[in-house]
C-alpha atoms as a PDB file:
ATOM      1  CA  MET A   1       0.626 -17.823  -1.505  1.00  0.00           C
ATOM      2  CA  LYS A   2       3.081 -17.320  -4.357  1.00  0.00           C
ATOM      3  CA  THR A   3       0.777 -14.706  -5.862  1.00  0.00           C
ATOM      4  CA  PHE A   4       0.903 -12.537  -2.735  1.00  0.00           C
ATOM      5  CA  ILE A   5       4.669 -12.825  -2.404  1.00  0.00           C
ATOM      6  CA  ILE A   6       4.982 -11.616  -6.005  1.00  0.00           C
ATOM      7  CA  ILE A   7       2.396  -8.829  -5.566  1.00  0.00           C
ATOM      8  CA  GLY A   8       4.058  -7.704  -2.343  1.00  0.00           C
ATOM      9  CA  ALA A   9       7.569  -7.760  -3.792  1.00  0.00           C
ATOM     10  CA  LEU A  10       6.388  -5.898  -6.900  1.00  0.00           C
ATOM     11  CA  ASN A  11       4.776  -3.220  -4.723  1.00  0.00           C
ATOM     12  CA  ALA A  12       7.955  -2.916  -2.641  1.00  0.00           C
ATOM     13  CA  LEU A  13       9.957  -2.469  -5.859  1.00  0.00           C
ATOM     14  CA  ILE A  14       7.513   0.194  -7.071  1.00  0.00           C
ATOM     15  CA  ALA A  15       7.601   1.969  -3.693  1.00  0.00           C
ATOM     16  CA  VAL A  16      11.404   2.183  -3.790  1.00  0.00           C
ATOM     17  CA  ALA A  17      11.409   3.383  -7.397  1.00  0.00           C
ATOM     18  CA  LEU A  18       8.706   5.994  -6.765  1.00  0.00           C
ATOM     19  CA  GLY A  19      10.427   7.077  -3.552  1.00  0.00           C
ATOM     20  CA  ALA A  20      13.649   7.687  -5.476  1.00  0.00           C
ATOM     21  CA  PHE A  21      11.737   9.454  -8.238  1.00  0.00           C
ATOM     22  CA  GLY A  22      10.066  11.682  -5.659  1.00  0.00           C
ATOM     23  CA  ALA A  23      13.364  12.515  -3.971  1.00  0.00           C
ATOM     24  CA  HIS A  24      15.251  13.258  -7.169  1.00  0.00           C
ATOM     25  CA  GLY A  25      12.792  13.806 -10.007  1.00  0.00           C
ATOM     26  CA  LEU A  26      10.173  15.862  -8.194  1.00  0.00           C
ATOM     27  CA  GLU A  27      12.471  17.949  -6.017  1.00  0.00           C
ATOM     28  CA  GLY A  28      11.986  21.572  -6.929  1.00  0.00           C
ATOM     29  CA  LYS A  29       8.950  20.725  -9.049  1.00  0.00           C
ATOM     30  CA  LEU A  30       6.493  20.171  -6.188  1.00  0.00           C
ATOM     31  CA  SER A  31       5.973  22.195  -3.051  1.00  0.00           C
ATOM     32  CA  GLU A  32       7.033  20.734   0.277  1.00  0.00           C
ATOM     33  CA  LYS A  33       3.374  19.938   1.031  1.00  0.00           C
ATOM     34  CA  TYR A  34       2.981  17.809  -2.085  1.00  0.00           C
ATOM     35  CA  LEU A  35       6.381  16.153  -1.652  1.00  0.00           C
ATOM     36  CA  ASP A  36       5.221  15.142   1.830  1.00  0.00           C
ATOM     37  CA  ILE A  37       2.068  13.659   0.299  1.00  0.00           C
ATOM     38  CA  TRP A  38       4.216  11.739  -2.209  1.00  0.00           C
ATOM     39  CA  ASN A  39       6.413  10.446   0.627  1.00  0.00           C
ATOM     40  CA  LYS A  40       3.355   9.350   2.623  1.00  0.00           C
ATOM     41  CA  ALA A  41       2.199   7.357  -0.415  1.00  0.00           C
ATOM     42  CA  THR A  42       5.550   5.573  -0.780  1.00  0.00           C
ATOM     43  CA  THR A  43       5.774   4.865   2.950  1.00  0.00           C
ATOM     44  CA  TYR A  44       2.334   3.296   3.159  1.00  0.00           C
ATOM     45  CA  GLN A  45       2.888   1.384  -0.058  1.00  0.00           C
ATOM     46  CA  MET A  46       6.069  -0.124   1.380  1.00  0.00           C
ATOM     47  CA  TYR A  47       4.494  -1.025   4.738  1.00  0.00           C
ATOM     48  CA  HIS A  48       1.640  -2.783   3.022  1.00  0.00           C
ATOM     49  CA  ALA A  49       3.845  -4.388   0.376  1.00  0.00           C
ATOM     50  CA  LEU A  50       5.678  -6.062   3.263  1.00  0.00           C
ATOM     51  CA  GLY A  51       2.313  -6.977   4.770  1.00  0.00           C
ATOM     52  CA  ILE A  52       1.326  -8.677   1.512  1.00  0.00           C
ATOM     53  CA  VAL A  53       4.614 -10.606   1.428  1.00  0.00           C
ATOM     54  CA  MET A  54       3.918 -11.660   5.017  1.00  0.00           C
ATOM     55  CA  ILE A  55       0.460 -12.863   4.004  1.00  0.00           C
ATOM     56  CA  GLY A  56       1.982 -14.945   1.222  1.00  0.00           C
ATOM     57  CA  ILE A  57       4.506 -16.491   3.588  1.00  0.00           C
ATOM     58  CA  LEU A  58       1.874 -17.207   6.237  1.00  0.00           C
ATOM     59  CA  MET A  59      -0.424 -18.801   3.680  1.00  0.00           C
ATOM     60  CA  GLY A  60       2.413 -21.087   2.617  1.00  0.00           C
ATOM     61  CA  THR A  61       3.527 -22.063   6.111  1.00  0.00           C
ATOM     62  CA  THR A  62       0.286 -22.157   8.100  1.00  0.00           C
ATOM     63  CA  LYS A  63      -3.336 -23.093   7.541  1.00  0.00           C
ATOM     64  CA  LEU A  64      -4.464 -19.480   7.860  1.00  0.00           C
ATOM     65  CA  ASN A  65      -6.870 -18.369   5.144  1.00  0.00           C
ATOM     66  CA  LEU A  66      -5.667 -14.867   4.365  1.00  0.00           C
ATOM     67  CA  ASN A  67      -6.756 -14.646   0.744  1.00  0.00           C
ATOM     68  CA  THR A  68      -9.311 -11.871   1.310  1.00  0.00           C
ATOM     69  CA  ALA A  69      -6.886  -9.966   3.539  1.00  0.00           C
ATOM     70  CA  GLY A  70      -4.265 -10.070   0.800  1.00  0.00           C
ATOM     71  CA  TRP A  71      -6.607  -8.731  -1.861  1.00  0.00           C
ATOM     72  CA  LEU A  72      -7.950  -6.019   0.461  1.00  0.00           C
ATOM     73  CA  MET A  73      -4.403  -4.902   1.245  1.00  0.00           C
ATOM     74  CA  THR A  74      -3.581  -4.824  -2.466  1.00  0.00           C
ATOM     75  CA  ALA A  75      -6.686  -2.750  -3.179  1.00  0.00           C
ATOM     76  CA  GLY A  76      -5.759  -0.501  -0.262  1.00  0.00           C
ATOM     77  CA  ILE A  77      -2.422   0.285  -1.906  1.00  0.00           C
ATOM     78  CA  ILE A  78      -4.184   1.181  -5.142  1.00  0.00           C
ATOM     79  CA  PHE A  79      -6.726   3.463  -3.466  1.00  0.00           C
ATOM     80  CA  PHE A  80      -4.548   4.953  -0.721  1.00  0.00           C
ATOM     81  CA  SER A  81      -1.131   5.325  -2.302  1.00  0.00           C
ATOM     82  CA  GLY A  82      -2.466   5.639  -5.833  1.00  0.00           C
ATOM     83  CA  SER A  83      -4.749   8.541  -4.952  1.00  0.00           C
ATOM     84  CA  LEU A  84      -1.924  10.283  -3.070  1.00  0.00           C
ATOM     85  CA  TYR A  85       0.489   9.910  -6.003  1.00  0.00           C
ATOM     86  CA  VAL A  86      -2.050  11.435  -8.368  1.00  0.00           C
ATOM     87  CA  LEU A  87      -2.958  14.155  -5.843  1.00  0.00           C
ATOM     88  CA  ALA A  88       0.703  15.089  -5.408  1.00  0.00           C
ATOM     89  CA  VAL A  89       1.386  15.571  -9.100  1.00  0.00           C
ATOM     90  CA  THR A  90      -1.971  17.051 -10.179  1.00  0.00           C
ATOM     91  CA  GLN A  91      -2.856  18.917  -6.970  1.00  0.00           C
ATOM     92  CA  ILE A  92      -6.519  18.098  -7.606  1.00  0.00           C
ATOM     93  CA  LYS A  93      -7.706  18.183  -4.013  1.00  0.00           C
ATOM     94  CA  VAL A  94     -10.903  16.171  -4.578  1.00  0.00           C
ATOM     95  CA  LEU A  95      -8.678  13.100  -5.060  1.00  0.00           C
ATOM     96  CA  GLY A  96      -7.990  13.269  -1.340  1.00  0.00           C
ATOM     97  CA  ALA A  97     -11.540  11.978  -0.842  1.00  0.00           C
ATOM     98  CA  ILE A  98     -10.488   8.619  -2.341  1.00  0.00           C
ATOM     99  CA  THR A  99      -7.585   8.125   0.057  1.00  0.00           C
ATOM    100  CA  PRO A 100      -9.720   7.143   3.092  1.00  0.00           C
ATOM    101  CA  ILE A 101     -11.212   4.268   1.088  1.00  0.00           C
ATOM    102  CA  GLY A 102      -7.711   2.823   0.890  1.00  0.00           C
ATOM    103  CA  GLY A 103      -7.226   3.395   4.603  1.00  0.00           C
ATOM    104  CA  VAL A 104     -10.418   1.482   5.386  1.00  0.00           C
ATOM    105  CA  LEU A 105      -9.247  -1.359   3.132  1.00  0.00           C
ATOM    106  CA  PHE A 106      -5.919  -1.443   5.005  1.00  0.00           C
ATOM    107  CA  ILE A 107      -7.707  -1.581   8.360  1.00  0.00           C
ATOM    108  CA  ALA A 108     -10.050  -4.312   7.133  1.00  0.00           C
ATOM    109  CA  SER A 109      -7.148  -6.412   5.838  1.00  0.00           C
ATOM    110  CA  TRP A 110      -5.278  -6.204   9.153  1.00  0.00           C
ATOM    111  CA  ALA A 111      -8.514  -6.987  11.032  1.00  0.00           C
ATOM    112  CA  LEU A 112      -8.998 -10.094   8.876  1.00  0.00           C
ATOM    113  CA  MET A 113      -5.461 -11.183   9.714  1.00  0.00           C
ATOM    114  CA  ILE A 114      -6.234 -10.834  13.415  1.00  0.00           C
ATOM    115  CA  LEU A 115      -9.476 -12.774  12.994  1.00  0.00           C
ATOM    116  CA  ALA A 116      -7.764 -15.576  11.031  1.00  0.00           C
ATOM    117  CA  ALA A 117      -5.057 -15.915  13.688  1.00  0.00           C
ATOM    118  CA  TRP A 118      -7.654 -15.819  16.478  1.00  0.00           C
ATOM    119  CA  LYS A 119      -9.658 -18.634  14.875  1.00  0.00           C
ATOM    120  CA  ALA A 120      -6.598 -20.816  14.206  1.00  0.00           C
END
């Protein structure tokens, strides 16, 4: 439980820092299209960072087994947001093919949360 609270909080911190960097450090250096991609990465990283914190809290306060969901959500951030960050700064379009893997990991993690709650 503590691990996921730390991972989630760390990802929230990184999302805020990278969001600020995108708004101030990349302005004028990237086209609007690639700034939008960067912003999408920070938004999804923050949503799922909060999801990971929620998993940690739920694991500490309930009997729900959300361990796999937490790791899938963490991996989703790496694949989804990570690939978008790299795509935005390198503009290597093939990296966009990695992004859906992260999306599937996000969906799977939320589905596991639903299943754990349903079974409880």
